[in-house]
N, C-alpha and C. Protein backbone atom coordinates (compact mmCIF):
# COMPACT_ATOMS: atom_id res chain seq x y z
N MET A 1 173.97 100.88 145.17
CA MET A 1 173.45 99.69 145.80
C MET A 1 174.17 99.41 147.12
N GLY A 2 175.47 99.60 147.18
CA GLY A 2 176.21 99.33 148.40
C GLY A 2 176.07 100.46 149.41
N VAL A 3 176.34 100.15 150.64
CA VAL A 3 176.29 101.16 151.68
C VAL A 3 177.69 101.46 152.20
N GLY A 4 178.70 101.02 151.48
CA GLY A 4 180.08 101.14 151.92
C GLY A 4 180.73 102.46 151.55
N TYR A 5 182.01 102.50 151.78
CA TYR A 5 182.83 103.68 151.50
C TYR A 5 183.74 103.41 150.32
N SER A 6 184.09 104.48 149.61
CA SER A 6 185.08 104.34 148.54
C SER A 6 186.47 104.31 149.17
N ARG A 7 187.47 103.93 148.39
CA ARG A 7 188.85 103.91 148.89
C ARG A 7 189.27 105.30 149.35
N LYS A 8 188.85 106.30 148.61
CA LYS A 8 189.20 107.68 148.96
C LYS A 8 188.59 108.07 150.30
N GLU A 9 187.32 107.71 150.50
CA GLU A 9 186.65 108.01 151.76
C GLU A 9 187.31 107.28 152.93
N LEU A 10 187.68 106.01 152.71
CA LEU A 10 188.36 105.26 153.77
C LEU A 10 189.70 105.88 154.11
N GLY A 11 190.41 106.37 153.09
CA GLY A 11 191.69 107.05 153.32
C GLY A 11 191.50 108.30 154.15
N LYS A 12 190.45 109.06 153.86
CA LYS A 12 190.17 110.28 154.63
C LYS A 12 189.83 109.92 156.08
N LEU A 13 189.04 108.86 156.26
CA LEU A 13 188.69 108.43 157.62
C LEU A 13 189.93 108.01 158.39
N HIS A 14 190.83 107.26 157.73
CA HIS A 14 192.06 106.83 158.39
C HIS A 14 192.89 108.05 158.79
N ARG A 15 192.99 109.01 157.91
CA ARG A 15 193.75 110.22 158.21
C ARG A 15 193.13 110.96 159.40
N GLN A 16 191.81 111.02 159.43
CA GLN A 16 191.12 111.67 160.55
C GLN A 16 191.41 110.93 161.86
N PHE A 17 191.30 109.59 161.85
CA PHE A 17 191.62 108.81 163.05
C PHE A 17 193.07 109.04 163.46
N PHE A 18 193.98 109.04 162.49
CA PHE A 18 195.40 109.23 162.78
C PHE A 18 195.63 110.60 163.42
N ASP A 19 195.05 111.66 162.83
CA ASP A 19 195.24 113.01 163.36
C ASP A 19 194.70 113.13 164.79
N GLU A 20 193.55 112.49 165.03
CA GLU A 20 192.98 112.52 166.38
C GLU A 20 193.90 111.82 167.37
N ARG A 21 194.45 110.69 166.95
CA ARG A 21 195.35 109.95 167.84
C ARG A 21 196.66 110.70 168.06
N MET A 22 197.13 111.40 167.04
CA MET A 22 198.37 112.17 167.18
C MET A 22 198.22 113.28 168.22
N GLU A 23 197.03 113.87 168.28
CA GLU A 23 196.79 114.91 169.27
C GLU A 23 196.85 114.36 170.69
N LYS A 24 196.46 113.11 170.85
CA LYS A 24 196.41 112.49 172.17
C LYS A 24 197.72 111.79 172.55
N SER A 25 198.57 111.49 171.58
CA SER A 25 199.77 110.71 171.85
C SER A 25 200.98 111.33 171.15
N LYS A 26 202.09 111.30 171.83
CA LYS A 26 203.33 111.80 171.25
C LYS A 26 204.06 110.70 170.45
N ASP A 27 203.64 109.46 170.65
CA ASP A 27 204.28 108.32 169.99
C ASP A 27 203.64 108.08 168.63
N ASN A 28 204.34 108.41 167.55
CA ASN A 28 203.80 108.27 166.19
C ASN A 28 203.39 106.84 165.87
N GLU A 29 204.22 105.88 166.29
CA GLU A 29 203.92 104.48 165.96
C GLU A 29 202.63 104.03 166.66
N GLU A 30 202.48 104.41 167.92
CA GLU A 30 201.27 104.04 168.65
C GLU A 30 200.05 104.71 168.03
N ALA A 31 200.19 105.98 167.66
CA ALA A 31 199.07 106.70 167.04
C ALA A 31 198.67 106.03 165.73
N PHE A 32 199.64 105.64 164.92
CA PHE A 32 199.35 104.97 163.66
C PHE A 32 198.65 103.64 163.91
N GLN A 33 199.16 102.87 164.85
CA GLN A 33 198.56 101.57 165.14
C GLN A 33 197.12 101.71 165.63
N ARG A 34 196.88 102.67 166.49
CA ARG A 34 195.52 102.88 166.99
C ARG A 34 194.59 103.34 165.86
N ALA A 35 195.09 104.22 165.01
CA ALA A 35 194.27 104.68 163.88
C ALA A 35 193.98 103.52 162.94
N LEU A 36 194.97 102.68 162.71
CA LEU A 36 194.79 101.52 161.84
C LEU A 36 193.76 100.56 162.41
N MET A 37 193.82 100.31 163.71
CA MET A 37 192.85 99.42 164.35
C MET A 37 191.44 100.01 164.27
N SER A 38 191.32 101.31 164.47
CA SER A 38 190.01 101.96 164.35
C SER A 38 189.49 101.84 162.92
N MET A 39 190.40 102.00 161.97
CA MET A 39 190.01 101.90 160.56
C MET A 39 189.57 100.48 160.21
N LEU A 40 190.29 99.49 160.71
CA LEU A 40 189.91 98.10 160.45
C LEU A 40 188.54 97.79 161.03
N LYS A 41 188.27 98.29 162.23
CA LYS A 41 186.95 98.08 162.83
C LYS A 41 185.88 98.73 161.97
N ALA A 42 186.14 99.93 161.49
CA ALA A 42 185.17 100.61 160.64
C ALA A 42 184.94 99.83 159.35
N MET A 43 185.99 99.27 158.77
CA MET A 43 185.86 98.49 157.54
C MET A 43 185.04 97.23 157.79
N ILE A 44 185.27 96.58 158.92
CA ILE A 44 184.50 95.38 159.25
C ILE A 44 183.02 95.74 159.43
N ASP A 45 182.76 96.88 160.06
CA ASP A 45 181.37 97.33 160.23
C ASP A 45 180.72 97.58 158.87
N VAL A 46 181.47 98.17 157.94
CA VAL A 46 180.94 98.44 156.60
C VAL A 46 180.66 97.13 155.87
N ILE A 47 181.58 96.19 155.95
CA ILE A 47 181.38 94.89 155.31
C ILE A 47 180.14 94.20 155.88
N ASP A 48 179.98 94.26 157.19
CA ASP A 48 178.82 93.66 157.83
C ASP A 48 177.53 94.32 157.36
N ALA A 49 177.53 95.64 157.27
CA ALA A 49 176.35 96.37 156.79
C ALA A 49 176.04 96.00 155.35
N ASN A 50 177.08 95.90 154.51
CA ASN A 50 176.88 95.49 153.12
C ASN A 50 176.29 94.09 153.04
N ASN A 51 176.81 93.17 153.85
CA ASN A 51 176.32 91.79 153.86
C ASN A 51 174.85 91.74 154.28
N GLN A 52 174.49 92.51 155.29
CA GLN A 52 173.10 92.53 155.75
C GLN A 52 172.19 93.09 154.66
N LYS A 53 172.64 94.13 153.97
CA LYS A 53 171.85 94.74 152.88
C LYS A 53 171.66 93.73 151.75
N ILE A 54 172.72 93.04 151.37
CA ILE A 54 172.64 92.03 150.30
C ILE A 54 171.69 90.91 150.72
N GLU A 55 171.80 90.46 151.96
CA GLU A 55 170.94 89.39 152.45
C GLU A 55 169.47 89.81 152.39
N THR A 56 169.19 91.03 152.80
CA THR A 56 167.82 91.55 152.75
C THR A 56 167.33 91.64 151.31
N ASP A 57 168.16 92.13 150.42
CA ASP A 57 167.79 92.24 149.01
C ASP A 57 167.51 90.88 148.39
N VAL A 58 168.35 89.89 148.71
CA VAL A 58 168.17 88.54 148.16
C VAL A 58 166.88 87.92 148.69
N LYS A 59 166.63 88.09 149.99
CA LYS A 59 165.39 87.55 150.56
C LYS A 59 164.16 88.18 149.91
N THR A 60 164.23 89.48 149.66
CA THR A 60 163.13 90.19 149.01
C THR A 60 162.92 89.67 147.59
N LEU A 61 164.01 89.47 146.86
CA LEU A 61 163.90 88.95 145.49
C LEU A 61 163.32 87.53 145.46
N ILE A 62 163.76 86.70 146.39
CA ILE A 62 163.25 85.32 146.45
C ILE A 62 161.76 85.34 146.78
N LYS A 63 161.39 86.16 147.75
CA LYS A 63 159.98 86.24 148.14
C LYS A 63 159.13 86.73 146.96
N LYS A 64 159.62 87.74 146.25
CA LYS A 64 158.91 88.27 145.10
C LYS A 64 158.77 87.23 144.00
N LYS A 65 159.84 86.49 143.79
CA LYS A 65 159.83 85.45 142.75
C LYS A 65 158.81 84.36 143.09
N LEU A 66 158.76 83.96 144.37
CA LEU A 66 157.81 82.93 144.80
C LEU A 66 156.37 83.43 144.69
N GLU A 67 156.16 84.71 144.96
CA GLU A 67 154.80 85.27 144.85
C GLU A 67 154.33 85.37 143.41
N ASP A 68 155.27 85.54 142.49
CA ASP A 68 154.93 85.66 141.07
C ASP A 68 154.52 84.32 140.46
N LYS A 69 154.88 83.22 141.10
CA LYS A 69 154.57 81.90 140.54
C LYS A 69 153.16 81.54 140.73
């Protein structure tokens, strides 16, 4: 039902972001922070997508319920 990621998938994405940042930066702390910020943005996007999906599903259910009456 959800369109989100599992914890394992999010961990893999964070690792991917971190590895990409490490290639571009010699500063480990900066690379980690940038990867973390990218990951947070991705999580917010996933939450937003989930919320939109739920809103659409609820509207569809309400409309269906009203049509059945």
